[in-house]
Amino acid sequence: MTSDCYNDTILLMLEKLKKFYYTKVLGKKYYRAGACKGCGRCCHQIYVKHSNGVIQEEKDFEKLKHQHRFYTYLKVVGKDEIGLIFECQNLDKETHLCKIHKTRPGICRRYPQEEIFAMGGALSKDCGYKLVPIESFEEVFEKVQKKGTKKTLWDKMFNRDK
């Protein structure tokens, strides 16, 4: 086996392992790609999701403030059919940079997460980040086709076609 062939095989195995880890272990469907451009748009129009869903009432939000310091940085700026809308008070309005960037909370460090889509949100078109599907459409389609053609144990035992 040539060195190039061996390297290609190793890279393919690592890619499959990475996909397995993200999809099966972490339960993710997207990779985060890109980098922050420092526009500050992600610090506006924030929904806060907690164990019972998106925060709907200010009294529920007040309880959260005692659970984690991140919530103390947020200010309610509105409400819509999804829930309360917040903005972060650590965003410098002139520079659009985070005032506590080096010590920012984990939720900010992990932005964007695919849960944004589950809540009906989207990344701004100018955002430096992208959420890229882990499995291509073709891979998902192929899996669905294979599932559709598999026979159940019952069908195999009694030679029934599906």
C-alpha atoms as a PDB file:
ATOM      1  CA  MET A   1       0.000   0.000   0.000  1.00  0.00           C
ATOM      2  CA  THR A   2       1.397   3.366  -0.955  1.00  0.00           C
ATOM      3  CA  SER A   3       1.862   6.145   1.533  1.00  0.00           C
ATOM      4  CA  ASP A   4      -0.794   8.328  -0.151  1.00  0.00           C
ATOM      5  CA  CYS A   5      -3.321   5.494  -0.172  1.00  0.00           C
ATOM      6  CA  TYR A   6      -2.616   4.765   3.498  1.00  0.00           C
ATOM      7  CA  ASN A   7      -3.052   8.451   4.406  1.00  0.00           C
ATOM      8  CA  ASP A   8      -6.321   8.639   2.469  1.00  0.00           C
ATOM      9  CA  THR A   9      -7.606   5.565   4.304  1.00  0.00           C
ATOM     10  CA  ILE A  10      -6.693   7.060   7.685  1.00  0.00           C
ATOM     11  CA  LEU A  11      -8.380  10.369   6.805  1.00  0.00           C
ATOM     12  CA  LEU A  12     -11.530   8.568   5.670  1.00  0.00           C
ATOM     13  CA  MET A  13     -11.624   6.566   8.903  1.00  0.00           C
ATOM     14  CA  LEU A  14     -11.144   9.719  10.991  1.00  0.00           C
ATOM     15  CA  GLU A  15     -13.939  11.481   9.099  1.00  0.00           C
ATOM     16  CA  LYS A  16     -16.289   8.534   9.713  1.00  0.00           C
ATOM     17  CA  LEU A  17     -15.325   8.496  13.402  1.00  0.00           C
ATOM     18  CA  LYS A  18     -15.941  12.249  13.638  1.00  0.00           C
ATOM     19  CA  LYS A  19     -19.378  11.866  12.030  1.00  0.00           C
ATOM     20  CA  PHE A  20     -20.218   8.999  14.374  1.00  0.00           C
ATOM     21  CA  TYR A  21     -19.148  11.025  17.429  1.00  0.00           C
ATOM     22  CA  TYR A  22     -21.146  14.104  16.432  1.00  0.00           C
ATOM     23  CA  THR A  23     -24.301  12.291  15.324  1.00  0.00           C
ATOM     24  CA  LYS A  24     -24.524   9.317  17.673  1.00  0.00           C
ATOM     25  CA  VAL A  25     -22.688  10.465  20.810  1.00  0.00           C
ATOM     26  CA  LEU A  26     -23.502  14.185  20.795  1.00  0.00           C
ATOM     27  CA  GLY A  27     -26.772  13.878  18.871  1.00  0.00           C
ATOM     28  CA  LYS A  28     -25.847  16.739  16.527  1.00  0.00           C
ATOM     29  CA  LYS A  29     -26.832  17.282  12.913  1.00  0.00           C
ATOM     30  CA  TYR A  30     -24.552  20.238  12.127  1.00  0.00           C
ATOM     31  CA  TYR A  31     -20.916  21.271  12.433  1.00  0.00           C
ATOM     32  CA  ARG A  32     -20.165  24.853  13.361  1.00  0.00           C
ATOM     33  CA  ALA A  33     -17.864  26.410  10.762  1.00  0.00           C
ATOM     34  CA  GLY A  34     -16.384  29.879  10.317  1.00  0.00           C
ATOM     35  CA  ALA A  35     -15.434  32.572  12.800  1.00  0.00           C
ATOM     36  CA  CYS A  36     -16.975  35.541  14.561  1.00  0.00           C
ATOM     37  CA  LYS A  37     -16.858  38.804  12.623  1.00  0.00           C
ATOM     38  CA  GLY A  38     -17.615  40.895  15.701  1.00  0.00           C
ATOM     39  CA  CYS A  39     -20.836  42.425  14.368  1.00  0.00           C
ATOM     40  CA  GLY A  40     -22.760  41.955  17.641  1.00  0.00           C
ATOM     41  CA  ARG A  41     -26.013  40.871  15.966  1.00  0.00           C
ATOM     42  CA  CYS A  42     -26.096  37.655  17.989  1.00  0.00           C
ATOM     43  CA  CYS A  43     -26.318  39.729  21.184  1.00  0.00           C
ATOM     44  CA  HIS A  44     -29.707  41.176  20.147  1.00  0.00           C
ATOM     45  CA  GLN A  45     -33.021  39.414  19.750  1.00  0.00           C
ATOM     46  CA  ILE A  46     -32.071  36.570  22.105  1.00  0.00           C
ATOM     47  CA  TYR A  47     -34.553  33.955  23.270  1.00  0.00           C
ATOM     48  CA  VAL A  48     -33.735  32.124  26.475  1.00  0.00           C
ATOM     49  CA  LYS A  49     -34.610  28.448  26.479  1.00  0.00           C
ATOM     50  CA  HIS A  50     -34.689  26.650  29.793  1.00  0.00           C
ATOM     51  CA  SER A  51     -35.930  23.238  30.933  1.00  0.00           C
ATOM     52  CA  ASN A  52     -39.584  24.173  30.373  1.00  0.00           C
ATOM     53  CA  GLY A  53     -38.993  25.791  26.980  1.00  0.00           C
ATOM     54  CA  VAL A  54     -38.546  29.404  25.940  1.00  0.00           C
ATOM     55  CA  ILE A  55     -39.004  31.878  28.799  1.00  0.00           C
ATOM     56  CA  GLN A  56     -42.440  33.496  28.507  1.00  0.00           C
ATOM     57  CA  GLU A  57     -42.782  35.563  31.685  1.00  0.00           C
ATOM     58  CA  GLU A  58     -40.493  38.020  33.456  1.00  0.00           C
ATOM     59  CA  LYS A  59     -41.156  36.339  36.826  1.00  0.00           C
ATOM     60  CA  ASP A  60     -39.701  33.096  35.415  1.00  0.00           C
ATOM     61  CA  PHE A  61     -36.709  35.011  34.137  1.00  0.00           C
ATOM     62  CA  GLU A  62     -36.116  36.601  37.556  1.00  0.00           C
ATOM     63  CA  LYS A  63     -35.778  33.088  39.032  1.00  0.00           C
ATOM     64  CA  LEU A  64     -33.148  32.181  36.435  1.00  0.00           C
ATOM     65  CA  LYS A  65     -30.978  35.165  37.360  1.00  0.00           C
ATOM     66  CA  HIS A  66     -30.143  33.399  40.626  1.00  0.00           C
ATOM     67  CA  GLN A  67     -29.082  30.190  38.854  1.00  0.00           C
ATOM     68  CA  HIS A  68     -26.364  31.510  36.535  1.00  0.00           C
ATOM     69  CA  ARG A  69     -24.566  34.822  36.085  1.00  0.00           C
ATOM     70  CA  PHE A  70     -25.226  34.834  32.324  1.00  0.00           C
ATOM     71  CA  TYR A  71     -28.865  35.703  32.929  1.00  0.00           C
ATOM     72  CA  THR A  72     -27.906  38.802  34.897  1.00  0.00           C
ATOM     73  CA  TYR A  73     -26.347  40.227  31.709  1.00  0.00           C
ATOM     74  CA  LEU A  74     -29.624  40.088  29.811  1.00  0.00           C
ATOM     75  CA  LYS A  75     -32.284  42.759  29.581  1.00  0.00           C
ATOM     76  CA  VAL A  76     -35.846  42.148  28.394  1.00  0.00           C
ATOM     77  CA  VAL A  77     -36.505  44.259  25.282  1.00  0.00           C
ATOM     78  CA  GLY A  78     -39.750  42.756  24.040  1.00  0.00           C
ATOM     79  CA  LYS A  79     -42.015  39.761  23.674  1.00  0.00           C
ATOM     80  CA  ASP A  80     -43.501  37.908  20.706  1.00  0.00           C
ATOM     81  CA  GLU A  81     -45.333  34.636  20.037  1.00  0.00           C
ATOM     82  CA  ILE A  82     -42.153  32.655  20.802  1.00  0.00           C
ATOM     83  CA  GLY A  83     -41.413  34.287  24.157  1.00  0.00           C
ATOM     84  CA  LEU A  84     -39.486  37.078  25.835  1.00  0.00           C
ATOM     85  CA  ILE A  85     -36.831  38.800  23.725  1.00  0.00           C
ATOM     86  CA  PHE A  86     -33.560  39.817  25.356  1.00  0.00           C
ATOM     87  CA  GLU A  87     -30.372  41.660  24.528  1.00  0.00           C
ATOM     88  CA  CYS A  88     -27.029  41.393  26.246  1.00  0.00           C
ATOM     89  CA  GLN A  89     -25.933  44.429  28.238  1.00  0.00           C
ATOM     90  CA  ASN A  90     -22.246  43.564  27.743  1.00  0.00           C
ATOM     91  CA  LEU A  91     -22.284  44.573  24.090  1.00  0.00           C
ATOM     92  CA  ASP A  92     -20.596  47.917  23.505  1.00  0.00           C
ATOM     93  CA  LYS A  93     -23.099  49.870  21.403  1.00  0.00           C
ATOM     94  CA  GLU A  94     -20.402  51.823  19.547  1.00  0.00           C
ATOM     95  CA  THR A  95     -17.805  49.140  18.777  1.00  0.00           C
ATOM     96  CA  HIS A  96     -20.245  46.187  18.697  1.00  0.00           C
ATOM     97  CA  LEU A  97     -17.692  44.217  20.724  1.00  0.00           C
ATOM     98  CA  CYS A  98     -18.272  42.258  23.900  1.00  0.00           C
ATOM     99  CA  LYS A  99     -17.041  44.077  27.006  1.00  0.00           C
ATOM    100  CA  ILE A 100     -16.308  40.757  28.750  1.00  0.00           C
ATOM    101  CA  HIS A 101     -15.119  38.736  25.759  1.00  0.00           C
ATOM    102  CA  LYS A 102     -12.291  36.939  27.606  1.00  0.00           C
ATOM    103  CA  THR A 103     -14.594  35.866  30.444  1.00  0.00           C
ATOM    104  CA  ARG A 104     -17.830  35.490  28.470  1.00  0.00           C
ATOM    105  CA  PRO A 105     -20.158  32.651  29.499  1.00  0.00           C
ATOM    106  CA  GLY A 106     -20.135  29.239  27.840  1.00  0.00           C
ATOM    107  CA  ILE A 107     -23.372  29.880  25.955  1.00  0.00           C
ATOM    108  CA  CYS A 108     -21.633  32.741  24.148  1.00  0.00           C
ATOM    109  CA  ARG A 109     -18.502  30.665  23.498  1.00  0.00           C
ATOM    110  CA  ARG A 110     -20.591  27.886  21.940  1.00  0.00           C
ATOM    111  CA  TYR A 111     -22.610  30.213  19.696  1.00  0.00           C
ATOM    112  CA  PRO A 112     -24.145  29.318  17.306  1.00  0.00           C
ATOM    113  CA  GLN A 113     -25.774  26.072  18.313  1.00  0.00           C
ATOM    114  CA  GLU A 114     -28.227  24.142  16.176  1.00  0.00           C
ATOM    115  CA  GLU A 115     -30.969  24.681  18.755  1.00  0.00           C
ATOM    116  CA  ILE A 116     -31.342  28.118  17.171  1.00  0.00           C
ATOM    117  CA  PHE A 117     -33.120  26.439  14.254  1.00  0.00           C
ATOM    118  CA  ALA A 118     -35.330  24.367  16.552  1.00  0.00           C
ATOM    119  CA  MET A 119     -36.572  27.616  18.093  1.00  0.00           C
ATOM    120  CA  GLY A 120     -37.318  29.171  14.708  1.00  0.00           C
ATOM    121  CA  GLY A 121     -34.215  31.359  14.659  1.00  0.00           C
ATOM    122  CA  ALA A 122     -31.592  31.855  12.000  1.00  0.00           C
ATOM    123  CA  LEU A 123     -28.106  33.271  11.638  1.00  0.00           C
ATOM    124  CA  SER A 124     -27.872  36.680  10.050  1.00  0.00           C
ATOM    125  CA  LYS A 125     -26.699  36.499   6.456  1.00  0.00           C
ATOM    126  CA  ASP A 126     -23.568  38.488   7.377  1.00  0.00           C
ATOM    127  CA  CYS A 127     -22.614  36.200  10.260  1.00  0.00           C
ATOM    128  CA  GLY A 128     -19.161  34.675   9.969  1.00  0.00           C
ATOM    129  CA  TYR A 129     -20.474  31.379  11.284  1.00  0.00           C
ATOM    130  CA  LYS A 130     -22.320  28.744   9.332  1.00  0.00           C
ATOM    131  CA  LEU A 131     -23.962  25.545  10.491  1.00  0.00           C
ATOM    132  CA  VAL A 132     -22.982  22.854   8.002  1.00  0.00           C
ATOM    133  CA  PRO A 133     -24.877  19.536   7.849  1.00  0.00           C
ATOM    134  CA  ILE A 134     -22.772  16.648   9.156  1.00  0.00           C
ATOM    135  CA  GLU A 135     -24.390  14.254   6.710  1.00  0.00           C
ATOM    136  CA  SER A 136     -25.047  15.370   3.172  1.00  0.00           C
ATOM    137  CA  PHE A 137     -28.505  15.163   1.659  1.00  0.00           C
ATOM    138  CA  GLU A 138     -27.319  12.242  -0.450  1.00  0.00           C
ATOM    139  CA  GLU A 139     -26.133  10.305   2.627  1.00  0.00           C
ATOM    140  CA  VAL A 140     -29.429  10.858   4.448  1.00  0.00           C
ATOM    141  CA  PHE A 141     -31.444   9.953   1.341  1.00  0.00           C
ATOM    142  CA  GLU A 142     -29.441   6.755   0.882  1.00  0.00           C
ATOM    143  CA  LYS A 143     -30.106   5.736   4.507  1.00  0.00           C
ATOM    144  CA  VAL A 144     -33.824   6.370   4.097  1.00  0.00           C
ATOM    145  CA  GLN A 145     -33.893   4.281   0.938  1.00  0.00           C
ATOM    146  CA  LYS A 146     -32.068   1.415   2.666  1.00  0.00           C
ATOM    147  CA  LYS A 147     -34.500   1.517   5.589  1.00  0.00           C
ATOM    148  CA  GLY A 148     -37.416   1.387   3.170  1.00  0.00           C
ATOM    149  CA  THR A 149     -36.089  -1.743   1.490  1.00  0.00           C
ATOM    150  CA  LYS A 150     -35.177  -3.685   4.645  1.00  0.00           C
ATOM    151  CA  LYS A 151     -37.438  -6.577   5.473  1.00  0.00           C
ATOM    152  CA  THR A 152     -38.580  -7.147   9.008  1.00  0.00           C
ATOM    153  CA  LEU A 153     -37.881 -10.423  10.809  1.00  0.00           C
ATOM    154  CA  TRP A 154     -41.560 -11.284  10.394  1.00  0.00           C
ATOM    155  CA  ASP A 155     -41.333 -10.749   6.611  1.00  0.00           C
ATOM    156  CA  LYS A 156     -38.177 -12.844   6.387  1.00  0.00           C
ATOM    157  CA  MET A 157     -39.717 -15.680   8.368  1.00  0.00           C
ATOM    158  CA  PHE A 158     -42.854 -15.825   6.292  1.00  0.00           C
ATOM    159  CA  ASN A 159     -41.358 -14.762   2.909  1.00  0.00           C
ATOM    160  CA  ARG A 160     -43.570 -11.718   2.645  1.00  0.00           C
ATOM    161  CA  ASP A 161     -42.687  -8.844   0.404  1.00  0.00           C
ATOM    162  CA  LYS A 162     -43.056  -5.311   1.568  1.00  0.00           C
END
